[in-house]
Amino acid sequence: EKAIELGHQPMVSRDSLAEAQYCMGDLDQAYNSYHSLYTAGYRSFSACNNLANLAVKNGEKEFAAELLEAALGLGAFSTEVRERLTHNIRYLRSES
């Protein structure tokens, strides 16, 4: 309780752990960590994008498209990023 009172954000800490796993190449564990965050309702651009990349590697193209749509829904991106996300969503849906 004291940690939360002091501003500790457990979901953000779990996101940081998942990102570390991803960067270190522990892709199965990163997938599990990101997926757990996603199903718990946590959304950040990097979490959605990284989980989408891992989902594609696992052959889960429709789930990857859903994740990129969630990332797109977070808004506040440059036109280039929005266009890239939209392009990737269309591509994944055409491959599903």
N, C-alpha and C. Protein backbone atom coordinates (compact mmCIF):
# COMPACT_ATOMS: atom_id res chain seq x y z
N GLU A 1 0.82 -1.20 0.00
CA GLU A 1 0.00 0.00 0.00
C GLU A 1 0.86 1.26 0.00
N LYS A 2 1.94 1.23 0.77
CA LYS A 2 2.81 2.40 0.85
C LYS A 2 3.44 2.69 -0.51
N ALA A 3 3.83 1.63 -1.25
CA ALA A 3 4.42 1.82 -2.57
C ALA A 3 3.45 2.53 -3.50
N ILE A 4 2.19 2.12 -3.46
CA ILE A 4 1.18 2.74 -4.31
C ILE A 4 0.98 4.20 -3.89
N GLU A 5 0.96 4.42 -2.57
CA GLU A 5 0.82 5.78 -2.06
C GLU A 5 1.95 6.68 -2.54
N LEU A 6 3.14 6.11 -2.69
CA LEU A 6 4.30 6.87 -3.13
C LEU A 6 4.40 6.97 -4.65
N GLY A 7 3.42 6.43 -5.35
CA GLY A 7 3.40 6.58 -6.81
C GLY A 7 3.87 5.36 -7.57
N HIS A 8 4.12 4.25 -6.89
CA HIS A 8 4.53 3.03 -7.59
C HIS A 8 3.37 2.54 -8.45
N GLN A 9 3.68 2.24 -9.69
CA GLN A 9 2.66 1.76 -10.63
C GLN A 9 3.02 0.34 -11.06
N PRO A 10 2.40 -0.66 -10.44
CA PRO A 10 2.76 -2.05 -10.74
C PRO A 10 2.71 -2.41 -12.21
N MET A 11 1.71 -1.94 -12.95
CA MET A 11 1.60 -2.29 -14.37
C MET A 11 2.77 -1.72 -15.16
N VAL A 12 3.20 -0.52 -14.81
CA VAL A 12 4.35 0.09 -15.50
C VAL A 12 5.61 -0.71 -15.20
N SER A 13 5.75 -1.18 -13.97
CA SER A 13 6.91 -2.01 -13.62
C SER A 13 6.88 -3.32 -14.40
N ARG A 14 5.71 -3.90 -14.54
CA ARG A 14 5.59 -5.15 -15.31
C ARG A 14 5.89 -4.89 -16.79
N ASP A 15 5.49 -3.72 -17.30
CA ASP A 15 5.79 -3.35 -18.68
C ASP A 15 7.31 -3.24 -18.85
N SER A 16 7.97 -2.64 -17.90
CA SER A 16 9.44 -2.50 -17.97
C SER A 16 10.11 -3.86 -17.95
N LEU A 17 9.60 -4.78 -17.13
CA LEU A 17 10.15 -6.13 -17.09
C LEU A 17 9.97 -6.83 -18.43
N ALA A 18 8.77 -6.71 -19.01
CA ALA A 18 8.49 -7.33 -20.31
C ALA A 18 9.41 -6.75 -21.38
N GLU A 19 9.63 -5.44 -21.34
CA GLU A 19 10.51 -4.82 -22.33
C GLU A 19 11.95 -5.31 -22.16
N ALA A 20 12.39 -5.47 -20.92
CA ALA A 20 13.75 -6.00 -20.68
C ALA A 20 13.86 -7.42 -21.23
N GLN A 21 12.85 -8.23 -20.99
CA GLN A 21 12.86 -9.60 -21.52
C GLN A 21 12.92 -9.58 -23.04
N TYR A 22 12.15 -8.70 -23.64
CA TYR A 22 12.10 -8.56 -25.10
C TYR A 22 13.47 -8.17 -25.64
N CYS A 23 14.07 -7.17 -25.02
CA CYS A 23 15.37 -6.68 -25.48
C CYS A 23 16.49 -7.69 -25.28
N MET A 24 16.35 -8.52 -24.26
CA MET A 24 17.38 -9.53 -23.97
C MET A 24 17.18 -10.80 -24.80
N GLY A 25 16.11 -10.84 -25.57
CA GLY A 25 15.88 -11.99 -26.45
C GLY A 25 15.12 -13.13 -25.80
N ASP A 26 14.59 -12.93 -24.60
CA ASP A 26 13.78 -13.95 -23.94
C ASP A 26 12.34 -13.78 -24.42
N LEU A 27 12.14 -14.14 -25.69
CA LEU A 27 10.90 -13.80 -26.38
C LEU A 27 9.67 -14.53 -25.85
N ASP A 28 9.83 -15.78 -25.44
CA ASP A 28 8.68 -16.50 -24.89
C ASP A 28 8.21 -15.85 -23.59
N GLN A 29 9.16 -15.52 -22.73
CA GLN A 29 8.80 -14.89 -21.47
C GLN A 29 8.24 -13.48 -21.72
N ALA A 30 8.83 -12.76 -22.66
CA ALA A 30 8.33 -11.43 -23.00
C ALA A 30 6.90 -11.52 -23.51
N TYR A 31 6.63 -12.49 -24.36
CA TYR A 31 5.27 -12.68 -24.87
C TYR A 31 4.30 -12.90 -23.72
N ASN A 32 4.68 -13.80 -22.82
CA ASN A 32 3.80 -14.10 -21.68
C ASN A 32 3.57 -12.86 -20.80
N SER A 33 4.63 -12.10 -20.57
CA SER A 33 4.52 -10.90 -19.73
C SER A 33 3.64 -9.85 -20.40
N TYR A 34 3.90 -9.57 -21.68
CA TYR A 34 3.09 -8.59 -22.39
C TYR A 34 1.63 -9.05 -22.50
N HIS A 35 1.43 -10.33 -22.77
CA HIS A 35 0.07 -10.85 -22.92
C HIS A 35 -0.69 -10.72 -21.60
N SER A 36 -0.04 -10.99 -20.51
CA SER A 36 -0.65 -10.84 -19.19
C SER A 36 -1.06 -9.39 -18.94
N LEU A 37 -0.19 -8.46 -19.30
CA LEU A 37 -0.51 -7.04 -19.15
C LEU A 37 -1.71 -6.67 -20.02
N TYR A 38 -1.70 -7.13 -21.27
CA TYR A 38 -2.76 -6.79 -22.21
C TYR A 38 -4.11 -7.32 -21.72
N THR A 39 -4.13 -8.56 -21.27
CA THR A 39 -5.40 -9.14 -20.81
C THR A 39 -5.88 -8.48 -19.51
N ALA A 40 -4.94 -7.87 -18.78
CA ALA A 40 -5.32 -7.14 -17.56
C ALA A 40 -5.81 -5.73 -17.88
N GLY A 41 -5.78 -5.36 -19.17
CA GLY A 41 -6.29 -4.06 -19.58
C GLY A 41 -5.24 -2.97 -19.71
N TYR A 42 -3.96 -3.31 -19.51
CA TYR A 42 -2.90 -2.31 -19.64
C TYR A 42 -2.61 -2.05 -21.11
N ARG A 43 -2.47 -0.77 -21.46
CA ARG A 43 -2.15 -0.39 -22.84
C ARG A 43 -1.08 0.69 -22.84
N SER A 44 -0.05 0.46 -23.61
CA SER A 44 0.94 1.48 -23.94
C SER A 44 1.35 1.19 -25.38
N PHE A 45 1.86 2.21 -26.06
CA PHE A 45 2.25 1.99 -27.45
C PHE A 45 3.30 0.89 -27.54
N SER A 46 4.35 0.99 -26.73
CA SER A 46 5.44 0.01 -26.85
C SER A 46 4.97 -1.40 -26.48
N ALA A 47 4.11 -1.52 -25.46
CA ALA A 47 3.62 -2.85 -25.07
C ALA A 47 2.79 -3.46 -26.20
N CYS A 48 1.88 -2.68 -26.77
CA CYS A 48 1.06 -3.19 -27.87
C CYS A 48 1.90 -3.51 -29.09
N ASN A 49 2.83 -2.65 -29.42
CA ASN A 49 3.68 -2.85 -30.60
C ASN A 49 4.57 -4.07 -30.42
N ASN A 50 5.21 -4.19 -29.25
CA ASN A 50 6.11 -5.32 -29.03
C ASN A 50 5.34 -6.64 -28.99
N LEU A 51 4.18 -6.65 -28.33
CA LEU A 51 3.37 -7.87 -28.31
C LEU A 51 2.89 -8.21 -29.71
N ALA A 52 2.56 -7.20 -30.52
CA ALA A 52 2.18 -7.46 -31.91
C ALA A 52 3.32 -8.12 -32.68
N ASN A 53 4.53 -7.63 -32.49
CA ASN A 53 5.69 -8.24 -33.16
C ASN A 53 5.85 -9.70 -32.73
N LEU A 54 5.69 -9.96 -31.44
CA LEU A 54 5.82 -11.33 -30.95
C LEU A 54 4.67 -12.21 -31.44
N ALA A 55 3.47 -11.63 -31.53
CA ALA A 55 2.32 -12.38 -32.03
C ALA A 55 2.55 -12.79 -33.49
N VAL A 56 3.12 -11.90 -34.29
CA VAL A 56 3.42 -12.23 -35.69
C VAL A 56 4.40 -13.39 -35.74
N LYS A 57 5.42 -13.35 -34.89
CA LYS A 57 6.40 -14.45 -34.86
C LYS A 57 5.73 -15.78 -34.49
N ASN A 58 4.64 -15.71 -33.71
CA ASN A 58 3.90 -16.91 -33.32
C ASN A 58 2.80 -17.27 -34.31
N GLY A 59 2.69 -16.51 -35.40
CA GLY A 59 1.68 -16.80 -36.41
C GLY A 59 0.29 -16.28 -36.05
N GLU A 60 0.20 -15.41 -35.07
CA GLU A 60 -1.09 -14.88 -34.61
C GLU A 60 -1.35 -13.52 -35.27
N LYS A 61 -1.59 -13.54 -36.56
CA LYS A 61 -1.70 -12.29 -37.32
C LYS A 61 -2.93 -11.47 -36.96
N GLU A 62 -4.06 -12.12 -36.73
CA GLU A 62 -5.28 -11.38 -36.36
C GLU A 62 -5.09 -10.71 -35.00
N PHE A 63 -4.50 -11.42 -34.05
CA PHE A 63 -4.23 -10.84 -32.74
C PHE A 63 -3.26 -9.67 -32.87
N ALA A 64 -2.26 -9.82 -33.73
CA ALA A 64 -1.30 -8.74 -33.96
C ALA A 64 -2.01 -7.50 -34.51
N ALA A 65 -2.93 -7.70 -35.44
CA ALA A 65 -3.70 -6.57 -35.99
C ALA A 65 -4.52 -5.90 -34.89
N GLU A 66 -5.13 -6.70 -34.02
CA GLU A 66 -5.89 -6.15 -32.89
C GLU A 66 -4.99 -5.30 -31.99
N LEU A 67 -3.81 -5.78 -31.75
CA LEU A 67 -2.85 -5.05 -30.90
C LEU A 67 -2.44 -3.73 -31.55
N LEU A 68 -2.20 -3.75 -32.84
CA LEU A 68 -1.82 -2.52 -33.53
C LEU A 68 -2.98 -1.53 -33.56
N GLU A 69 -4.21 -2.03 -33.64
CA GLU A 69 -5.38 -1.15 -33.55
C GLU A 69 -5.46 -0.52 -32.17
N ALA A 70 -5.14 -1.30 -31.14
CA ALA A 70 -5.12 -0.75 -29.77
C ALA A 70 -4.06 0.34 -29.66
N ALA A 71 -2.89 0.09 -30.25
CA ALA A 71 -1.82 1.10 -30.24
C ALA A 71 -2.27 2.35 -30.98
N LEU A 72 -2.91 2.16 -32.11
CA LEU A 72 -3.40 3.30 -32.90
C LEU A 72 -4.44 4.09 -32.11
N GLY A 73 -5.25 3.40 -31.35
CA GLY A 73 -6.28 4.05 -30.55
C GLY A 73 -5.73 4.90 -29.42
N LEU A 74 -4.46 4.72 -29.08
CA LEU A 74 -3.86 5.53 -28.02
C LEU A 74 -3.59 6.96 -28.49
N GLY A 75 -3.54 7.14 -29.82
CA GLY A 75 -3.43 8.48 -30.41
C GLY A 75 -2.12 9.19 -30.18
N ALA A 76 -2.11 10.48 -30.55
CA ALA A 76 -0.97 11.38 -30.38
C ALA A 76 0.29 10.91 -31.09
N PHE A 77 0.14 10.38 -32.28
CA PHE A 77 1.30 9.95 -33.06
C PHE A 77 1.44 10.82 -34.29
N SER A 78 2.61 10.79 -34.85
CA SER A 78 2.84 11.52 -36.09
C SER A 78 2.04 10.86 -37.22
N THR A 79 1.86 11.59 -38.28
CA THR A 79 1.16 11.05 -39.45
C THR A 79 1.88 9.81 -39.96
N GLU A 80 3.19 9.84 -39.97
CA GLU A 80 3.98 8.70 -40.45
C GLU A 80 3.72 7.44 -39.62
N VAL A 81 3.67 7.58 -38.31
CA VAL A 81 3.41 6.42 -37.44
C VAL A 81 1.99 5.91 -37.66
N ARG A 82 1.01 6.80 -37.74
CA ARG A 82 -0.37 6.38 -38.00
C ARG A 82 -0.48 5.63 -39.33
N GLU A 83 0.18 6.14 -40.36
CA GLU A 83 0.14 5.50 -41.68
C GLU A 83 0.80 4.12 -41.63
N ARG A 84 1.92 4.00 -40.92
CA ARG A 84 2.62 2.72 -40.81
C ARG A 84 1.76 1.71 -40.07
N LEU A 85 1.14 2.13 -38.96
CA LEU A 85 0.26 1.23 -38.21
C LEU A 85 -0.92 0.78 -39.07
N THR A 86 -1.55 1.72 -39.76
CA THR A 86 -2.69 1.40 -40.62
C THR A 86 -2.28 0.43 -41.73
N HIS A 87 -1.13 0.68 -42.35
CA HIS A 87 -0.62 -0.22 -43.39
C HIS A 87 -0.40 -1.62 -42.83
N ASN A 88 0.23 -1.71 -41.66
CA ASN A 88 0.52 -3.02 -41.08
C ASN A 88 -0.76 -3.76 -40.68
N ILE A 89 -1.73 -3.03 -40.19
CA ILE A 89 -3.02 -3.65 -39.83
C ILE A 89 -3.68 -4.24 -41.08
N ARG A 90 -3.71 -3.46 -42.16
CA ARG A 90 -4.29 -3.95 -43.42
C ARG A 90 -3.56 -5.19 -43.92
N TYR A 91 -2.22 -5.14 -43.88
CA TYR A 91 -1.42 -6.27 -44.35
C TYR A 91 -1.71 -7.51 -43.52
N LEU A 92 -1.71 -7.36 -42.19
CA LEU A 92 -1.97 -8.52 -41.33
C LEU A 92 -3.36 -9.09 -41.57
N ARG A 93 -4.34 -8.24 -41.76
CA ARG A 93 -5.71 -8.73 -42.00
C ARG A 93 -5.81 -9.44 -43.34
N SER A 94 -5.04 -8.99 -44.32
CA SER A 94 -5.07 -9.65 -45.63
C SER A 94 -4.37 -11.00 -45.60
N GLU A 95 -3.49 -11.19 -44.63
CA GLU A 95 -2.75 -12.45 -44.48
C GLU A 95 -3.44 -13.43 -43.55
N SER A 96 -4.45 -12.97 -42.81
CA SER A 96 -5.12 -13.86 -41.82
C SER A 96 -6.07 -14.81 -42.50
